[in-house]
Amino acid sequence: MKVPWSVEELVPHSRTMLLLDSFVAEGEDWVEAGVRIAEDCLFYDPDIKGIPAWIGLEYMAQTVALYSGLQARRAGEAVKLGFLLGTRRFEASKASFVLGSFLTIRAAREWDDGQMAVFDCSVSDEKQLASARINAYLPQDVEAFLAGEAP
């Protein structure tokens, strides 16, 4: 399904730090994004001819942001800034994502109370390359939270 918004409109990152290339697919509680590994990617390392697998955590976090942005836009709300609280069980089957690969990043919502959420995430090409559980926080009032005025 094609969504009426670009990745840039759904993920609140500056263009330099926006690592996702495309929206791939979605379901009721999940979303998939795409990333092509190219030499002009921010974290490309010519010595390994790819991107270190630990960058997969940021791909996953941005895919969670994509999910959140999509939910907000569909509800007629503005996209809000969220925060990565942490991750559990990050596993990668390879040390890097190879030049020329097209990766699909999936974030599936497992639990959500309106502010805190847990997502099962993965990075795949033809097979799964990395996985983790992402814990995220979406405060009701971001400005108050950043000023230390909100829980």
N, C-alpha and C. Protein backbone atom coordinates (compact mmCIF):
# COMPACT_ATOMS: atom_id res chain seq x y z
N MET A 1 0.84 -1.18 0.00
CA MET A 1 0.00 0.00 0.00
C MET A 1 0.88 1.24 0.00
N LYS A 2 0.58 2.18 -0.85
CA LYS A 2 1.31 3.43 -0.90
C LYS A 2 0.71 4.40 0.12
N VAL A 3 1.57 5.04 0.89
CA VAL A 3 1.09 6.03 1.86
C VAL A 3 1.26 7.42 1.25
N PRO A 4 0.41 8.37 1.64
CA PRO A 4 0.47 9.71 1.03
C PRO A 4 1.58 10.61 1.57
N TRP A 5 2.43 10.09 2.46
CA TRP A 5 3.51 10.90 3.02
C TRP A 5 4.86 10.25 2.72
N SER A 6 5.86 11.08 2.62
CA SER A 6 7.22 10.56 2.40
C SER A 6 7.82 10.16 3.75
N VAL A 7 8.89 9.41 3.69
CA VAL A 7 9.62 9.04 4.90
C VAL A 7 10.05 10.31 5.64
N GLU A 8 10.49 11.31 4.90
CA GLU A 8 10.93 12.58 5.51
C GLU A 8 9.81 13.25 6.29
N GLU A 9 8.56 13.09 5.85
CA GLU A 9 7.42 13.69 6.54
C GLU A 9 6.99 12.89 7.78
N LEU A 10 7.40 11.65 7.86
CA LEU A 10 6.97 10.78 8.95
C LEU A 10 8.01 10.57 10.04
N VAL A 11 9.26 10.75 9.71
CA VAL A 11 10.34 10.53 10.68
C VAL A 11 10.99 11.88 11.00
N PRO A 12 10.92 12.33 12.27
CA PRO A 12 11.41 13.66 12.62
C PRO A 12 12.94 13.74 12.79
N HIS A 13 13.67 13.48 11.72
CA HIS A 13 15.13 13.58 11.74
C HIS A 13 15.55 14.56 10.65
N SER A 14 16.70 15.19 10.85
CA SER A 14 17.23 16.04 9.79
C SER A 14 17.65 15.12 8.64
N ARG A 15 17.68 15.64 7.46
CA ARG A 15 18.00 14.84 6.27
C ARG A 15 19.32 14.10 6.43
N THR A 16 20.31 14.72 7.06
CA THR A 16 21.61 14.06 7.20
C THR A 16 21.52 12.81 8.07
N MET A 17 20.70 12.86 9.10
CA MET A 17 20.59 11.71 10.01
C MET A 17 19.44 10.77 9.66
N LEU A 18 18.63 11.10 8.68
CA LEU A 18 17.56 10.19 8.25
C LEU A 18 18.20 9.08 7.43
N LEU A 19 18.20 7.87 7.97
CA LEU A 19 18.90 6.76 7.32
C LEU A 19 17.98 5.90 6.45
N LEU A 20 16.68 6.00 6.64
CA LEU A 20 15.74 5.19 5.86
C LEU A 20 15.56 5.80 4.48
N ASP A 21 15.46 4.93 3.47
CA ASP A 21 15.26 5.39 2.10
C ASP A 21 13.81 5.36 1.67
N SER A 22 13.06 4.37 2.15
CA SER A 22 11.71 4.20 1.62
C SER A 22 10.77 3.51 2.59
N PHE A 23 9.50 3.74 2.36
CA PHE A 23 8.43 3.01 3.03
C PHE A 23 8.21 1.75 2.19
N VAL A 24 8.13 0.58 2.83
CA VAL A 24 7.98 -0.68 2.08
C VAL A 24 6.57 -1.24 2.21
N ALA A 25 6.11 -1.43 3.45
CA ALA A 25 4.80 -2.05 3.66
C ALA A 25 4.34 -1.78 5.09
N GLU A 26 3.07 -2.09 5.35
CA GLU A 26 2.54 -1.91 6.70
C GLU A 26 1.39 -2.86 6.95
N GLY A 27 1.10 -3.04 8.23
CA GLY A 27 -0.05 -3.79 8.69
C GLY A 27 -0.60 -3.08 9.90
N GLU A 28 -1.54 -3.69 10.58
CA GLU A 28 -2.18 -3.02 11.72
C GLU A 28 -1.18 -2.64 12.82
N ASP A 29 -0.25 -3.53 13.12
CA ASP A 29 0.70 -3.29 14.22
C ASP A 29 2.15 -3.34 13.78
N TRP A 30 2.42 -3.16 12.51
CA TRP A 30 3.80 -3.24 12.04
C TRP A 30 4.01 -2.33 10.82
N VAL A 31 5.26 -2.06 10.56
CA VAL A 31 5.64 -1.29 9.39
C VAL A 31 7.01 -1.79 8.92
N GLU A 32 7.27 -1.64 7.63
CA GLU A 32 8.58 -1.98 7.07
C GLU A 32 9.12 -0.81 6.27
N ALA A 33 10.42 -0.59 6.43
CA ALA A 33 11.12 0.46 5.71
C ALA A 33 12.25 -0.19 4.92
N GLY A 34 12.79 0.55 3.95
CA GLY A 34 13.87 0.04 3.14
C GLY A 34 15.10 0.93 3.18
N VAL A 35 16.26 0.29 3.08
CA VAL A 35 17.54 0.99 3.03
C VAL A 35 18.42 0.30 1.99
N ARG A 36 18.95 1.07 1.05
CA ARG A 36 19.92 0.53 0.10
C ARG A 36 21.30 0.92 0.60
N ILE A 37 22.19 -0.06 0.72
CA ILE A 37 23.56 0.20 1.20
C ILE A 37 24.39 0.68 0.01
N ALA A 38 24.79 1.95 0.09
CA ALA A 38 25.55 2.58 -0.99
C ALA A 38 26.75 3.32 -0.39
N GLU A 39 27.69 3.67 -1.24
CA GLU A 39 28.90 4.36 -0.78
C GLU A 39 28.60 5.74 -0.21
N ASP A 40 27.46 6.33 -0.58
CA ASP A 40 27.13 7.66 -0.06
C ASP A 40 26.30 7.61 1.23
N CYS A 41 26.07 6.42 1.77
CA CYS A 41 25.37 6.29 3.05
C CYS A 41 26.24 6.88 4.16
N LEU A 42 25.60 7.49 5.13
CA LEU A 42 26.29 8.19 6.21
C LEU A 42 27.35 7.34 6.91
N PHE A 43 27.04 6.11 7.22
CA PHE A 43 27.97 5.26 7.99
C PHE A 43 28.74 4.25 7.13
N TYR A 44 28.76 4.47 5.81
CA TYR A 44 29.49 3.56 4.93
C TYR A 44 30.97 3.57 5.28
N ASP A 45 31.55 2.37 5.37
CA ASP A 45 32.96 2.21 5.69
C ASP A 45 33.63 1.49 4.52
N PRO A 46 34.49 2.19 3.77
CA PRO A 46 35.13 1.55 2.61
C PRO A 46 36.02 0.37 2.98
N ASP A 47 36.53 0.35 4.20
CA ASP A 47 37.39 -0.76 4.62
C ASP A 47 36.62 -2.07 4.72
N ILE A 48 35.35 -2.01 5.06
CA ILE A 48 34.55 -3.23 5.16
C ILE A 48 33.56 -3.36 4.00
N LYS A 49 33.59 -2.35 3.10
CA LYS A 49 32.68 -2.31 1.94
C LYS A 49 31.23 -2.50 2.37
N GLY A 50 30.86 -1.74 3.40
CA GLY A 50 29.50 -1.81 3.89
C GLY A 50 29.31 -0.94 5.12
N ILE A 51 28.28 -1.25 5.86
CA ILE A 51 27.92 -0.51 7.06
C ILE A 51 27.96 -1.47 8.23
N PRO A 52 28.58 -1.09 9.35
CA PRO A 52 28.62 -1.98 10.51
C PRO A 52 27.21 -2.41 10.94
N ALA A 53 27.05 -3.65 11.31
CA ALA A 53 25.74 -4.19 11.66
C ALA A 53 25.10 -3.48 12.85
N TRP A 54 25.91 -2.91 13.74
CA TRP A 54 25.32 -2.23 14.89
C TRP A 54 24.51 -1.00 14.49
N ILE A 55 24.71 -0.47 13.29
CA ILE A 55 23.89 0.63 12.78
C ILE A 55 22.45 0.14 12.57
N GLY A 56 22.29 -1.17 12.51
CA GLY A 56 20.94 -1.75 12.42
C GLY A 56 20.04 -1.29 13.56
N LEU A 57 20.61 -1.01 14.73
CA LEU A 57 19.81 -0.49 15.85
C LEU A 57 19.18 0.85 15.48
N GLU A 58 19.92 1.71 14.81
CA GLU A 58 19.36 3.00 14.40
C GLU A 58 18.34 2.81 13.28
N TYR A 59 18.59 1.87 12.36
CA TYR A 59 17.57 1.57 11.34
C TYR A 59 16.27 1.15 12.02
N MET A 60 16.39 0.29 13.03
CA MET A 60 15.20 -0.19 13.76
C MET A 60 14.50 0.97 14.47
N ALA A 61 15.27 1.81 15.17
CA ALA A 61 14.69 2.93 15.90
C ALA A 61 13.98 3.90 14.94
N GLN A 62 14.58 4.15 13.78
CA GLN A 62 13.93 5.03 12.81
C GLN A 62 12.68 4.39 12.21
N THR A 63 12.67 3.07 12.11
CA THR A 63 11.47 2.38 11.62
C THR A 63 10.35 2.46 12.66
N VAL A 64 10.70 2.40 13.93
CA VAL A 64 9.72 2.64 15.01
C VAL A 64 9.17 4.06 14.87
N ALA A 65 10.05 5.04 14.60
CA ALA A 65 9.61 6.42 14.40
C ALA A 65 8.69 6.53 13.18
N LEU A 66 9.00 5.77 12.14
CA LEU A 66 8.14 5.73 10.95
C LEU A 66 6.74 5.25 11.31
N TYR A 67 6.68 4.19 12.11
CA TYR A 67 5.40 3.65 12.58
C TYR A 67 4.63 4.72 13.36
N SER A 68 5.31 5.37 14.29
CA SER A 68 4.69 6.40 15.13
C SER A 68 4.22 7.59 14.28
N GLY A 69 5.06 8.02 13.34
CA GLY A 69 4.69 9.13 12.46
C GLY A 69 3.48 8.80 11.60
N LEU A 70 3.43 7.58 11.11
CA LEU A 70 2.30 7.14 10.30
C LEU A 70 1.01 7.13 11.12
N GLN A 71 1.09 6.64 12.36
CA GLN A 71 -0.08 6.62 13.24
C GLN A 71 -0.56 8.05 13.52
N ALA A 72 0.38 8.95 13.79
CA ALA A 72 0.03 10.34 14.08
C ALA A 72 -0.64 11.00 12.88
N ARG A 73 -0.04 10.87 11.71
CA ARG A 73 -0.61 11.49 10.50
C ARG A 73 -2.01 10.97 10.20
N ARG A 74 -2.19 9.68 10.35
CA ARG A 74 -3.51 9.10 10.10
C ARG A 74 -4.56 9.59 11.10
N ALA A 75 -4.12 9.97 12.30
CA ALA A 75 -5.04 10.50 13.31
C ALA A 75 -5.21 12.01 13.17
N GLY A 76 -4.57 12.59 12.15
CA GLY A 76 -4.68 14.03 11.94
C GLY A 76 -3.81 14.85 12.88
N GLU A 77 -2.81 14.21 13.48
CA GLU A 77 -1.93 14.88 14.43
C GLU A 77 -0.56 15.14 13.81
N ALA A 78 0.19 16.01 14.45
CA ALA A 78 1.56 16.27 14.01
C ALA A 78 2.46 15.12 14.43
N VAL A 79 3.50 14.90 13.66
CA VAL A 79 4.51 13.90 14.01
C VAL A 79 5.32 14.46 15.18
N LYS A 80 5.48 13.64 16.22
CA LYS A 80 6.19 14.08 17.41
C LYS A 80 7.52 13.35 17.57
N LEU A 81 8.40 14.01 18.28
CA LEU A 81 9.69 13.43 18.60
C LEU A 81 9.53 12.35 19.66
N GLY A 82 10.16 11.21 19.44
CA GLY A 82 10.16 10.12 20.41
C GLY A 82 11.59 9.82 20.81
N PHE A 83 11.74 8.93 21.78
CA PHE A 83 13.07 8.63 22.31
C PHE A 83 13.29 7.14 22.41
N LEU A 84 14.46 6.71 21.98
CA LEU A 84 14.88 5.32 22.14
C LEU A 84 15.34 5.16 23.58
N LEU A 85 14.64 4.33 24.34
CA LEU A 85 15.02 4.10 25.74
C LEU A 85 16.09 3.04 25.86
N GLY A 86 16.01 2.05 25.00
CA GLY A 86 16.99 0.98 25.07
C GLY A 86 16.60 -0.17 24.18
N THR A 87 17.42 -1.18 24.22
CA THR A 87 17.17 -2.36 23.40
C THR A 87 17.55 -3.60 24.19
N ARG A 88 16.94 -4.70 23.82
CA ARG A 88 17.28 -5.99 24.41
C ARG A 88 17.54 -6.98 23.29
N ARG A 89 18.42 -7.89 23.58
CA ARG A 89 18.69 -9.02 22.70
C ARG A 89 19.05 -8.62 21.28
N PHE A 90 19.90 -7.61 21.10
CA PHE A 90 20.36 -7.30 19.75
C PHE A 90 21.26 -8.44 19.30
N GLU A 91 20.93 -9.00 18.17
CA GLU A 91 21.75 -10.06 17.58
C GLU A 91 21.92 -9.77 16.10
N ALA A 92 23.14 -9.99 15.62
CA ALA A 92 23.43 -9.82 14.20
C ALA A 92 24.16 -11.06 13.70
N SER A 93 23.74 -11.56 12.56
CA SER A 93 24.37 -12.76 12.02
C SER A 93 25.64 -12.46 11.23
N LYS A 94 25.84 -11.17 10.89
CA LYS A 94 27.04 -10.75 10.18
C LYS A 94 27.56 -9.48 10.83
N ALA A 95 28.80 -9.17 10.59
CA ALA A 95 29.41 -7.97 11.18
C ALA A 95 29.03 -6.70 10.43
N SER A 96 28.58 -6.83 9.18
CA SER A 96 28.25 -5.63 8.40
C SER A 96 27.15 -5.93 7.39
N PHE A 97 26.56 -4.83 6.91
CA PHE A 97 25.58 -4.88 5.82
C PHE A 97 26.34 -4.48 4.56
N VAL A 98 26.32 -5.33 3.55
CA VAL A 98 27.21 -5.22 2.41
C VAL A 98 26.74 -4.23 1.34
N LEU A 99 27.73 -3.55 0.75
CA LEU A 99 27.49 -2.62 -0.35
C LEU A 99 26.59 -3.26 -1.41
N GLY A 100 25.57 -2.52 -1.84
CA GLY A 100 24.66 -3.00 -2.87
C GLY A 100 23.44 -3.72 -2.34
N SER A 101 23.42 -4.05 -1.06
CA SER A 101 22.28 -4.75 -0.47
C SER A 101 21.08 -3.82 -0.34
N PHE A 102 19.89 -4.39 -0.48
CA PHE A 102 18.66 -3.67 -0.12
C PHE A 102 18.14 -4.35 1.13
N LEU A 103 18.05 -3.57 2.22
CA LEU A 103 17.60 -4.11 3.50
C LEU A 103 16.15 -3.72 3.75
N THR A 104 15.42 -4.65 4.33
CA THR A 104 14.06 -4.37 4.81
C THR A 104 14.11 -4.38 6.32
N ILE A 105 13.67 -3.28 6.90
CA ILE A 105 13.66 -3.16 8.35
C ILE A 105 12.20 -3.22 8.79
N ARG A 106 11.91 -4.12 9.72
CA ARG A 106 10.54 -4.33 10.19
C ARG A 106 10.46 -3.99 11.68
N ALA A 107 9.44 -3.24 12.04
CA ALA A 107 9.15 -2.93 13.44
C ALA A 107 7.71 -3.35 13.71
N ALA A 108 7.53 -4.31 14.63
CA ALA A 108 6.21 -4.81 14.98
C ALA A 108 5.91 -4.45 16.44
N ARG A 109 4.84 -3.70 16.64
CA ARG A 109 4.47 -3.25 18.00
C ARG A 109 4.00 -4.44 18.82
N GLU A 110 4.64 -4.64 19.97
CA GLU A 110 4.27 -5.73 20.88
C GLU A 110 3.46 -5.24 22.06
N TRP A 111 3.76 -4.03 22.51
CA TRP A 111 3.07 -3.48 23.68
C TRP A 111 3.13 -1.97 23.57
N ASP A 112 2.05 -1.29 24.03
CA ASP A 112 1.99 0.16 23.93
C ASP A 112 0.99 0.67 24.95
N ASP A 113 1.39 1.67 25.75
CA ASP A 113 0.43 2.27 26.68
C ASP A 113 0.12 3.72 26.32
N GLY A 114 0.46 4.13 25.11
CA GLY A 114 0.21 5.50 24.68
C GLY A 114 1.44 6.38 24.78
N GLN A 115 2.37 6.03 25.67
CA GLN A 115 3.62 6.78 25.76
C GLN A 115 4.84 5.85 25.66
N MET A 116 4.79 4.75 26.34
CA MET A 116 5.87 3.76 26.29
C MET A 116 5.44 2.66 25.31
N ALA A 117 6.40 2.11 24.59
CA ALA A 117 6.08 1.03 23.65
C ALA A 117 7.27 0.10 23.50
N VAL A 118 6.97 -1.14 23.14
CA VAL A 118 8.00 -2.15 22.86
C VAL A 118 7.73 -2.69 21.46
N PHE A 119 8.80 -2.77 20.66
CA PHE A 119 8.70 -3.26 19.29
C PHE A 119 9.69 -4.40 19.07
N ASP A 120 9.25 -5.45 18.40
CA ASP A 120 10.15 -6.48 17.90
C ASP A 120 10.59 -6.01 16.53
N CYS A 121 11.90 -5.97 16.32
CA CYS A 121 12.44 -5.41 15.08
C CYS A 121 13.41 -6.39 14.42
N SER A 122 13.53 -6.23 13.11
CA SER A 122 14.49 -7.05 12.38
C SER A 122 15.01 -6.29 11.16
N VAL A 123 16.18 -6.72 10.71
CA VAL A 123 16.80 -6.23 9.48
C VAL A 123 17.05 -7.46 8.62
N SER A 124 16.57 -7.42 7.37
CA SER A 124 16.69 -8.58 6.48
C SER A 124 17.08 -8.15 5.09
N ASP A 125 17.73 -9.06 4.37
CA ASP A 125 17.83 -8.95 2.91
C ASP A 125 17.01 -10.13 2.41
N GLU A 126 17.60 -11.18 1.89
CA GLU A 126 16.82 -12.39 1.61
C GLU A 126 16.57 -13.19 2.88
N LYS A 127 17.41 -12.96 3.88
CA LYS A 127 17.24 -13.64 5.17
C LYS A 127 17.47 -12.63 6.29
N GLN A 128 17.09 -12.98 7.50
CA GLN A 128 17.25 -12.07 8.63
C GLN A 128 18.72 -11.90 8.96
N LEU A 129 19.15 -10.64 9.09
CA LEU A 129 20.53 -10.32 9.39
C LEU A 129 20.72 -9.82 10.82
N ALA A 130 19.67 -9.20 11.39
CA ALA A 130 19.77 -8.68 12.75
C ALA A 130 18.37 -8.59 13.34
N SER A 131 18.32 -8.64 14.67
CA SER A 131 17.03 -8.52 15.36
C SER A 131 17.26 -7.91 16.74
N ALA A 132 16.20 -7.31 17.28
CA ALA A 132 16.26 -6.72 18.63
C ALA A 132 14.86 -6.34 19.06
N ARG A 133 14.71 -6.13 20.36
CA ARG A 133 13.49 -5.53 20.92
C ARG A 133 13.85 -4.10 21.27
N ILE A 134 13.05 -3.16 20.78
CA ILE A 134 13.29 -1.74 20.99
C ILE A 134 12.26 -1.19 21.98
N ASN A 135 12.74 -0.50 23.01
CA ASN A 135 11.87 0.19 23.96
C ASN A 135 11.90 1.68 23.61
N ALA A 136 10.71 2.27 23.44
CA ALA A 136 10.63 3.66 23.03
C ALA A 136 9.68 4.44 23.93
N TYR A 137 9.89 5.75 23.97
CA TYR A 137 9.07 6.65 24.78
C TYR A 137 8.62 7.82 23.90
N LEU A 138 7.32 8.08 23.90
CA LEU A 138 6.74 9.19 23.16
C LEU A 138 5.99 10.06 24.16
N PRO A 139 6.67 11.07 24.73
CA PRO A 139 6.02 11.89 25.76
C PRO A 139 4.86 12.70 25.18
N GLN A 140 3.85 12.95 26.00
CA GLN A 140 2.71 13.77 25.57
C GLN A 140 3.17 15.19 25.24
N ASP A 141 4.07 15.74 26.06
CA ASP A 141 4.57 17.09 25.87
C ASP A 141 6.09 17.03 25.75
N VAL A 142 6.58 17.00 24.53
CA VAL A 142 8.01 16.85 24.28
C VAL A 142 8.81 18.02 24.85
N GLU A 143 8.31 19.24 24.65
CA GLU A 143 9.03 20.42 25.14
C GLU A 143 9.19 20.38 26.66
N ALA A 144 8.12 20.02 27.38
CA ALA A 144 8.20 19.93 28.84
C ALA A 144 9.15 18.83 29.24
N PHE A 145 9.12 17.71 28.54
CA PHE A 145 10.02 16.60 28.84
C PHE A 145 11.48 17.03 28.66
N LEU A 146 11.78 17.70 27.55
CA LEU A 146 13.15 18.13 27.30
C LEU A 146 13.61 19.19 28.30
N ALA A 147 12.66 19.96 28.83
CA ALA A 147 12.99 20.97 29.84
C ALA A 147 13.06 20.37 31.24
N GLY A 148 12.78 19.06 31.36
CA GLY A 148 12.83 18.39 32.65
C GLY A 148 11.60 18.65 33.51
N GLU A 149 10.51 19.07 32.87
CA GLU A 149 9.30 19.43 33.60
C GLU A 149 8.23 18.34 33.58
N ALA A 150 8.43 17.30 32.82
CA ALA A 150 7.43 16.24 32.71
C ALA A 150 8.06 14.90 33.06
N PRO A 151 7.27 13.99 33.59
CA PRO A 151 7.82 12.67 33.94
C PRO A 151 8.24 11.88 32.72
